[in-house]
């Protein structure tokens, strides 16, 4: 019975030391430590440098794969064909413009031949008279004399 007496004696001392006040203090202490740990976990940045590097590596690899899968030669050829098409259209338009100008000139020459030479001579004489009159007026203006017109 010595053992039972010792257990009772030990339990009695333990019960006297373990009061509700002490239990409340210990529980509050553990709650405080838990709260501090949670606050630290929420506030501190995640320690995910390694996962960020893995993610960046994955993104770079996917970009390289996407670029490798692009049909670069086909795209270049399509652009060349488009340029050739535009150049052909431009040359055709230039040829059409030149051809229409040539046809217009030919038709004017043909129409000019149909006019009477008398009308052409008359128009040429009138133009020459106007030209001579302007030259005479300029010559008088340079000499310092003015012509009074009535």
N, C-alpha and C. Protein backbone atom coordinates (compact mmCIF):
# COMPACT_ATOMS: atom_id res chain seq x y z
N UNK A 1 0.78 -1.18 0.00
CA UNK A 1 0.00 0.00 0.00
C UNK A 1 0.83 1.26 0.00
N UNK A 2 1.98 1.06 0.07
CA UNK A 2 2.83 2.21 0.04
C UNK A 2 2.73 2.92 -1.31
N UNK A 3 2.54 2.17 -2.35
CA UNK A 3 2.46 2.75 -3.69
C UNK A 3 1.20 3.59 -3.79
N UNK A 4 0.10 3.08 -3.31
CA UNK A 4 -1.15 3.84 -3.39
C UNK A 4 -1.07 5.10 -2.55
N UNK A 5 -0.41 5.01 -1.45
CA UNK A 5 -0.27 6.20 -0.61
C UNK A 5 0.58 7.25 -1.33
N UNK A 6 1.59 6.77 -1.98
CA UNK A 6 2.46 7.70 -2.70
C UNK A 6 1.70 8.35 -3.86
N UNK A 7 0.88 7.57 -4.57
CA UNK A 7 0.11 8.15 -5.68
C UNK A 7 -0.86 9.19 -5.17
N UNK A 8 -1.51 8.88 -4.06
CA UNK A 8 -2.45 9.85 -3.51
C UNK A 8 -1.71 11.09 -3.05
N UNK A 9 -0.56 10.85 -2.45
CA UNK A 9 0.21 11.96 -1.97
C UNK A 9 0.71 12.81 -3.15
N UNK A 10 1.17 12.15 -4.18
CA UNK A 10 1.65 12.86 -5.36
C UNK A 10 0.50 13.56 -6.08
N UNK A 11 -0.62 12.86 -6.21
CA UNK A 11 -1.79 13.44 -6.84
C UNK A 11 -2.33 14.60 -6.04
N UNK A 12 -2.27 14.52 -4.78
CA UNK A 12 -2.75 15.60 -3.93
C UNK A 12 -1.92 16.85 -4.11
N UNK A 13 -0.60 16.65 -4.22
CA UNK A 13 0.27 17.80 -4.44
C UNK A 13 0.06 18.37 -5.84
N UNK A 14 -0.12 17.47 -6.79
CA UNK A 14 -0.32 17.92 -8.17
C UNK A 14 -1.64 18.67 -8.28
N UNK A 15 -2.65 18.20 -7.59
CA UNK A 15 -3.95 18.86 -7.65
C UNK A 15 -3.88 20.23 -6.99
N UNK A 16 -3.08 20.34 -5.95
CA UNK A 16 -2.98 21.63 -5.28
C UNK A 16 -2.20 22.62 -6.15
N UNK A 17 -1.26 22.14 -6.93
CA UNK A 17 -0.50 23.00 -7.83
C UNK A 17 -1.29 23.32 -9.10
N UNK A 18 -2.14 22.44 -9.54
CA UNK A 18 -2.89 22.62 -10.79
C UNK A 18 -4.28 23.16 -10.44
N UNK A 19 -4.35 24.46 -10.29
CA UNK A 19 -5.63 25.09 -9.96
C UNK A 19 -6.24 25.64 -11.25
N UNK A 20 -7.47 26.12 -11.14
CA UNK A 20 -8.14 26.70 -12.32
C UNK A 20 -7.43 27.97 -12.78
N UNK A 21 -6.89 28.68 -11.84
CA UNK A 21 -6.18 29.91 -12.18
C UNK A 21 -4.95 29.56 -13.01
N UNK A 22 -4.20 28.58 -12.58
CA UNK A 22 -3.00 28.17 -13.33
C UNK A 22 -3.38 27.59 -14.70
N UNK A 23 -4.47 26.83 -14.75
CA UNK A 23 -4.92 26.27 -16.03
C UNK A 23 -5.33 27.38 -16.98
N UNK A 24 -5.98 28.42 -16.49
CA UNK A 24 -6.39 29.55 -17.34
C UNK A 24 -5.16 30.28 -17.87
N UNK A 25 -4.18 30.48 -17.04
CA UNK A 25 -2.96 31.18 -17.46
C UNK A 25 -2.23 30.37 -18.53
N UNK A 26 -2.11 29.07 -18.34
CA UNK A 26 -1.44 28.21 -19.32
C UNK A 26 -2.21 28.20 -20.64
N UNK A 27 -3.53 28.11 -20.56
CA UNK A 27 -4.36 28.12 -21.78
C UNK A 27 -4.23 29.45 -22.52
N UNK A 28 -4.23 30.57 -21.80
CA UNK A 28 -4.05 31.88 -22.44
C UNK A 28 -2.67 32.00 -23.07
N UNK A 29 -1.66 31.45 -22.42
CA UNK A 29 -0.31 31.47 -22.97
C UNK A 29 -0.24 30.71 -24.29
N UNK A 30 -0.84 29.53 -24.34
CA UNK A 30 -0.86 28.76 -25.59
C UNK A 30 -1.68 29.47 -26.67
N UNK A 31 -2.79 30.10 -26.28
CA UNK A 31 -3.59 30.86 -27.25
C UNK A 31 -2.78 32.04 -27.81
N UNK A 32 -2.03 32.70 -26.94
CA UNK A 32 -1.21 33.83 -27.38
C UNK A 32 -0.13 33.37 -28.35
N UNK A 33 0.52 32.28 -28.05
CA UNK A 33 1.55 31.74 -28.95
C UNK A 33 0.93 31.34 -30.29
N UNK A 34 -0.24 30.71 -30.25
CA UNK A 34 -0.92 30.32 -31.49
C UNK A 34 -1.31 31.54 -32.31
N UNK A 35 -1.83 32.58 -31.64
CA UNK A 35 -2.22 33.80 -32.34
C UNK A 35 -1.01 34.46 -32.99
N UNK A 36 0.10 34.54 -32.27
CA UNK A 36 1.32 35.13 -32.84
C UNK A 36 1.81 34.33 -34.04
N UNK A 37 1.75 33.04 -33.95
CA UNK A 37 2.17 32.19 -35.07
C UNK A 37 1.29 32.42 -36.30
N UNK A 38 -0.03 32.50 -36.09
CA UNK A 38 -0.95 32.74 -37.21
C UNK A 38 -0.74 34.12 -37.82
N UNK A 39 -0.56 35.13 -36.98
CA UNK A 39 -0.31 36.49 -37.49
C UNK A 39 0.98 36.51 -38.31
N UNK A 40 1.99 35.86 -37.79
CA UNK A 40 3.25 35.79 -38.53
C UNK A 40 3.07 35.09 -39.88
N UNK A 41 2.29 34.04 -39.91
CA UNK A 41 2.06 33.30 -41.15
C UNK A 41 1.28 34.13 -42.16
N UNK A 42 0.32 34.94 -41.68
CA UNK A 42 -0.48 35.76 -42.60
C UNK A 42 0.28 36.99 -43.09
N UNK A 43 1.08 37.58 -42.23
CA UNK A 43 1.76 38.83 -42.59
C UNK A 43 3.02 38.57 -43.41
N UNK A 44 3.80 37.60 -43.04
CA UNK A 44 5.06 37.37 -43.74
C UNK A 44 4.79 36.85 -45.15
N UNK A 45 5.63 37.28 -46.12
CA UNK A 45 5.42 36.80 -47.49
C UNK A 45 5.68 35.30 -47.56
N UNK A 46 4.99 34.66 -48.44
CA UNK A 46 5.20 33.22 -48.54
C UNK A 46 6.62 32.93 -49.02
N UNK A 47 7.18 31.95 -48.48
CA UNK A 47 8.55 31.57 -48.83
C UNK A 47 8.50 30.68 -50.06
N UNK A 48 8.13 31.32 -51.19
CA UNK A 48 7.92 30.53 -52.40
C UNK A 48 8.87 30.96 -53.51
N UNK A 49 10.08 31.33 -53.17
CA UNK A 49 11.07 31.66 -54.20
C UNK A 49 11.28 30.49 -55.13
N UNK A 50 11.32 29.36 -54.55
CA UNK A 50 11.56 28.16 -55.34
C UNK A 50 10.39 27.90 -56.29
N UNK A 51 9.17 28.05 -55.78
CA UNK A 51 8.02 27.80 -56.65
C UNK A 51 7.91 28.87 -57.73
N UNK A 52 8.31 30.12 -57.41
CA UNK A 52 8.30 31.17 -58.42
C UNK A 52 9.30 30.86 -59.53
N UNK A 53 10.46 30.37 -59.15
CA UNK A 53 11.46 30.02 -60.15
C UNK A 53 10.98 28.88 -61.04
N UNK A 54 10.32 27.93 -60.43
CA UNK A 54 9.79 26.81 -61.20
C UNK A 54 8.72 27.31 -62.16
N UNK A 55 7.86 28.22 -61.67
CA UNK A 55 6.81 28.78 -62.51
C UNK A 55 7.40 29.59 -63.67
N UNK A 56 8.42 30.41 -63.39
CA UNK A 56 9.07 31.18 -64.45
C UNK A 56 9.73 30.27 -65.48
N UNK A 57 10.34 29.22 -65.02
CA UNK A 57 10.95 28.27 -65.95
C UNK A 57 9.89 27.63 -66.84
N UNK A 58 8.77 27.29 -66.25
CA UNK A 58 7.67 26.69 -67.00
C UNK A 58 7.13 27.67 -68.05
N UNK A 59 6.99 28.94 -67.67
CA UNK A 59 6.50 29.96 -68.60
C UNK A 59 7.49 30.14 -69.75
N UNK A 60 8.78 30.21 -69.45
CA UNK A 60 9.78 30.38 -70.50
C UNK A 60 9.78 29.20 -71.47
N UNK A 61 9.68 28.01 -70.92
CA UNK A 61 9.64 26.83 -71.78
C UNK A 61 8.42 26.83 -72.68
N UNK A 62 7.28 27.24 -72.13
CA UNK A 62 6.06 27.27 -72.95
C UNK A 62 6.16 28.32 -74.05
N UNK A 63 6.78 29.47 -73.74
CA UNK A 63 6.98 30.50 -74.76
C UNK A 63 7.91 30.00 -75.87
N UNK A 64 8.97 29.31 -75.48
CA UNK A 64 9.90 28.76 -76.48
C UNK A 64 9.20 27.73 -77.36
N UNK A 65 8.38 26.90 -76.74
CA UNK A 65 7.64 25.90 -77.53
C UNK A 65 6.66 26.57 -78.49
N UNK A 66 5.97 27.60 -78.00
CA UNK A 66 5.01 28.31 -78.85
C UNK A 66 5.72 28.95 -80.04
N UNK A 67 6.87 29.58 -79.78
CA UNK A 67 7.63 30.20 -80.87
C UNK A 67 8.18 29.16 -81.84
N UNK A 68 8.57 28.02 -81.31
CA UNK A 68 9.10 26.96 -82.17
C UNK A 68 8.01 26.38 -83.06
N UNK A 69 6.77 26.43 -82.59
CA UNK A 69 5.67 25.86 -83.36
C UNK A 69 5.13 26.81 -84.42
N UNK A 70 5.51 28.10 -84.38
CA UNK A 70 5.03 29.05 -85.37
C UNK A 70 5.63 28.73 -86.73
N UNK A 71 4.82 28.78 -87.77
CA UNK A 71 5.34 28.53 -89.13
C UNK A 71 6.00 29.79 -89.69
N UNK A 72 7.21 30.06 -89.27
CA UNK A 72 7.91 31.30 -89.63
C UNK A 72 8.13 31.38 -91.14
N UNK A 73 8.57 30.29 -91.75
CA UNK A 73 8.82 30.30 -93.20
C UNK A 73 7.54 30.57 -93.97
N UNK A 74 6.45 29.98 -93.52
CA UNK A 74 5.17 30.18 -94.19
C UNK A 74 4.73 31.64 -94.07
N UNK A 75 4.90 32.22 -92.90
CA UNK A 75 4.52 33.62 -92.69
C UNK A 75 5.36 34.52 -93.59
N UNK A 76 6.67 34.26 -93.68
CA UNK A 76 7.53 35.06 -94.55
C UNK A 76 7.09 34.96 -96.01
N UNK A 77 6.76 33.76 -96.44
CA UNK A 77 6.34 33.55 -97.84
C UNK A 77 5.03 34.27 -98.12
N UNK A 78 4.10 34.23 -97.17
CA UNK A 78 2.82 34.93 -97.35
C UNK A 78 3.06 36.42 -97.48
N UNK A 79 3.94 36.97 -96.65
CA UNK A 79 4.25 38.41 -96.74
C UNK A 79 4.88 38.75 -98.09
N UNK A 80 5.77 37.89 -98.58
CA UNK A 80 6.38 38.12 -99.89
C UNK A 80 5.33 38.12 -100.98
N UNK A 81 4.41 37.16 -100.91
CA UNK A 81 3.34 37.09 -101.92
C UNK A 81 2.47 38.34 -101.86
N UNK A 82 2.17 38.81 -100.65
CA UNK A 82 1.37 40.04 -100.53
C UNK A 82 2.10 41.22 -101.15
N UNK A 83 3.42 41.33 -100.88
CA UNK A 83 4.19 42.43 -101.47
C UNK A 83 4.20 42.34 -102.99
N UNK A 84 4.38 41.13 -103.52
CA UNK A 84 4.38 40.95 -104.97
C UNK A 84 3.03 41.35 -105.55
N UNK A 85 1.96 41.00 -104.87
CA UNK A 85 0.63 41.37 -105.33
C UNK A 85 0.44 42.87 -105.38
N UNK A 86 0.93 43.57 -104.34
CA UNK A 86 0.83 45.02 -104.32
C UNK A 86 1.68 45.65 -105.41
N UNK A 87 2.87 45.10 -105.64
CA UNK A 87 3.74 45.63 -106.68
C UNK A 87 3.12 45.44 -108.06
N UNK A 88 2.50 44.29 -108.29
CA UNK A 88 1.86 44.03 -109.57
C UNK A 88 0.71 45.00 -109.80
N UNK A 89 -0.07 45.25 -108.76
CA UNK A 89 -1.19 46.19 -108.88
C UNK A 89 -0.66 47.58 -109.19
N UNK A 90 0.42 48.00 -108.51
CA UNK A 90 0.99 49.31 -108.75
C UNK A 90 1.50 49.43 -110.18
N UNK A 91 2.21 48.41 -110.67
CA UNK A 91 2.73 48.49 -112.04
C UNK A 91 1.60 48.49 -113.05
N UNK A 92 0.55 47.71 -112.78
CA UNK A 92 -0.60 47.72 -113.70
C UNK A 92 -1.27 49.08 -113.72
N UNK A 93 -1.39 49.70 -112.55
CA UNK A 93 -2.01 51.03 -112.50
C UNK A 93 -1.14 52.05 -113.23
N UNK A 94 0.19 51.95 -113.06
CA UNK A 94 1.08 52.86 -113.77
C UNK A 94 0.97 52.66 -115.27
N UNK A 95 0.94 51.39 -115.69
CA UNK A 95 0.81 51.11 -117.12
C UNK A 95 -0.52 51.64 -117.65
N UNK A 96 -1.59 51.45 -116.89
CA UNK A 96 -2.89 51.95 -117.31
C UNK A 96 -2.88 53.47 -117.40
N UNK A 97 -2.26 54.13 -116.43
CA UNK A 97 -2.20 55.59 -116.45
C UNK A 97 -1.39 56.08 -117.65
N UNK A 98 -0.25 55.43 -117.89
CA UNK A 98 0.58 55.83 -119.04
C UNK A 98 -0.15 55.57 -120.35
N UNK A 99 -0.81 54.44 -120.41
CA UNK A 99 -1.52 54.10 -121.64
C UNK A 99 -2.68 55.06 -121.88
N UNK A 100 -3.40 55.41 -120.82
CA UNK A 100 -4.53 56.33 -121.00
C UNK A 100 -4.02 57.72 -121.38
N UNK A 101 -2.87 58.14 -120.79
CA UNK A 101 -2.30 59.43 -121.16
C UNK A 101 -1.87 59.43 -122.62
N UNK A 102 -1.28 58.33 -123.07
CA UNK A 102 -0.86 58.23 -124.47
C UNK A 102 -2.06 58.26 -125.40
N UNK A 103 -3.12 57.54 -125.04
CA UNK A 103 -4.33 57.55 -125.87
C UNK A 103 -4.95 58.94 -125.90
N UNK A 104 -4.94 59.63 -124.77
CA UNK A 104 -5.49 60.98 -124.72
C UNK A 104 -4.68 61.92 -125.61
N UNK A 105 -3.36 61.78 -125.57
CA UNK A 105 -2.50 62.61 -126.41
C UNK A 105 -2.74 62.34 -127.89
N UNK A 106 -2.89 61.07 -128.23
CA UNK A 106 -3.16 60.71 -129.63
C UNK A 106 -4.49 61.30 -130.08
N UNK A 107 -5.49 61.22 -129.23
CA UNK A 107 -6.81 61.76 -129.62
C UNK A 107 -6.74 63.28 -129.76
N UNK A 108 -5.96 63.95 -128.90
CA UNK A 108 -5.82 65.40 -129.03
C UNK A 108 -5.13 65.77 -130.35
N UNK A 109 -4.08 65.00 -130.66
CA UNK A 109 -3.39 65.28 -131.91
C UNK A 109 -4.31 65.06 -133.11
N UNK A 110 -5.09 64.01 -133.05
CA UNK A 110 -6.04 63.76 -134.14
C UNK A 110 -7.08 64.87 -134.22
N UNK A 111 -7.57 65.32 -133.08
CA UNK A 111 -8.55 66.41 -133.08
C UNK A 111 -7.91 67.71 -133.54
N UNK A 112 -6.66 67.92 -133.21
CA UNK A 112 -5.97 69.15 -133.61
C UNK A 112 -5.85 69.23 -135.13
N UNK A 113 -5.64 68.09 -135.75
CA UNK A 113 -5.51 68.07 -137.20
C UNK A 113 -6.84 68.42 -137.86
N UNK A 114 -7.93 68.15 -137.20
CA UNK A 114 -9.23 68.43 -137.81
C UNK A 114 -9.58 69.90 -137.75
N UNK A 115 -8.99 70.65 -136.80
CA UNK A 115 -9.29 72.08 -136.76
C UNK A 115 -8.72 72.74 -138.01
N UNK A 116 -9.34 73.82 -138.35
CA UNK A 116 -8.86 74.52 -139.55
C UNK A 116 -7.60 75.30 -139.21
N UNK A 117 -6.72 75.38 -140.19
CA UNK A 117 -5.48 76.10 -139.98
C UNK A 117 -5.73 77.59 -139.82
N UNK A 118 -6.80 78.09 -140.37
CA UNK A 118 -7.11 79.52 -140.27
C UNK A 118 -7.41 79.89 -138.82
N UNK A 119 -8.15 79.03 -138.12
CA UNK A 119 -8.46 79.31 -136.71
C UNK A 119 -7.18 79.30 -135.88
N UNK A 120 -6.31 78.36 -136.19
CA UNK A 120 -5.04 78.29 -135.45
C UNK A 120 -4.19 79.53 -135.71
N UNK A 121 -4.14 79.95 -136.94
CA UNK A 121 -3.36 81.14 -137.29
C UNK A 121 -3.93 82.38 -136.60
N UNK A 122 -5.24 82.48 -136.56
CA UNK A 122 -5.90 83.62 -135.93
C UNK A 122 -5.59 83.65 -134.43
N UNK A 123 -5.68 82.50 -133.77
CA UNK A 123 -5.40 82.42 -132.34
C UNK A 123 -3.93 82.74 -132.07
N UNK A 124 -3.04 82.29 -132.94
CA UNK A 124 -1.62 82.55 -132.78
C UNK A 124 -1.32 84.04 -132.92
N UNK A 125 -1.96 84.70 -133.86
CA UNK A 125 -1.76 86.13 -134.07
C UNK A 125 -2.26 86.93 -132.86
N UNK A 126 -3.40 86.55 -132.31
CA UNK A 126 -3.94 87.25 -131.14
C UNK A 126 -3.01 87.08 -129.93
N UNK A 127 -2.50 85.88 -129.77
CA UNK A 127 -1.60 85.62 -128.65
C UNK A 127 -0.32 86.44 -128.80
N UNK A 128 0.20 86.51 -130.03
CA UNK A 128 1.42 87.25 -130.27
C UNK A 128 1.20 88.75 -130.03
N UNK A 129 0.06 89.28 -130.41
CA UNK A 129 -0.24 90.70 -130.17
C UNK A 129 -0.31 91.00 -128.68
N UNK A 130 -0.97 90.12 -127.93
CA UNK A 130 -1.07 90.33 -126.47
C UNK A 130 0.33 90.30 -125.84
N UNK A 131 1.13 89.38 -126.30
CA UNK A 131 2.48 89.23 -125.77
C UNK A 131 3.29 90.49 -126.06
N UNK A 132 3.21 91.01 -127.25
CA UNK A 132 3.95 92.21 -127.64
C UNK A 132 3.47 93.42 -126.84
N UNK A 133 2.17 93.51 -126.62
CA UNK A 133 1.61 94.63 -125.86
C UNK A 133 2.13 94.60 -124.41
N UNK A 134 2.16 93.42 -123.81
CA UNK A 134 2.67 93.30 -122.42
C UNK A 134 4.14 93.67 -122.36
N UNK A 135 4.91 93.22 -123.35
CA UNK A 135 6.34 93.54 -123.37
C UNK A 135 6.55 95.04 -123.54
N UNK A 136 5.76 95.69 -124.37
CA UNK A 136 5.88 97.13 -124.58
C UNK A 136 5.54 97.89 -123.30
N UNK A 137 4.49 97.43 -122.57
CA UNK A 137 4.12 98.10 -121.33
C UNK A 137 5.20 97.92 -120.26
N UNK A 138 5.81 96.77 -120.22
CA UNK A 138 6.89 96.55 -119.26
C UNK A 138 8.08 97.44 -119.60
N UNK A 139 8.35 97.57 -120.88
CA UNK A 139 9.47 98.42 -121.31
C UNK A 139 9.23 99.87 -120.95
N UNK A 140 8.01 100.34 -121.09
CA UNK A 140 7.70 101.72 -120.72
C UNK A 140 7.77 101.90 -119.21
N UNK A 141 7.36 100.92 -118.47
CA UNK A 141 7.40 101.01 -117.01
C UNK A 141 8.83 101.06 -116.49
N UNK A 142 9.77 100.46 -117.17
CA UNK A 142 11.16 100.46 -116.75
C UNK A 142 11.83 101.80 -117.04
N UNK A 143 11.42 102.46 -118.08
CA UNK A 143 12.02 103.74 -118.44
C UNK A 143 11.56 104.85 -117.52
N UNK A 144 10.58 104.61 -116.70
CA UNK A 144 10.11 105.62 -115.76
C UNK A 144 8.94 106.41 -116.29
N UNK A 145 8.49 106.10 -117.46
CA UNK A 145 7.33 106.82 -117.98
C UNK A 145 6.10 105.99 -117.74
N UNK A 146 5.02 106.65 -117.54
CA UNK A 146 3.76 105.94 -117.34
C UNK A 146 2.84 106.28 -118.48
N UNK A 147 2.05 105.36 -118.84
CA UNK A 147 1.10 105.55 -119.91
C UNK A 147 -0.24 105.86 -119.27
N UNK A 148 -0.82 106.95 -119.67
CA UNK A 148 -2.13 107.30 -119.12
C UNK A 148 -3.20 106.72 -120.03
N UNK A 149 -4.11 106.09 -119.42
CA UNK A 149 -5.18 105.47 -120.21
C UNK A 149 -6.45 106.29 -120.03
N UNK A 150 -7.12 106.59 -121.12
CA UNK A 150 -8.33 107.39 -121.08
C UNK A 150 -9.52 106.57 -121.38
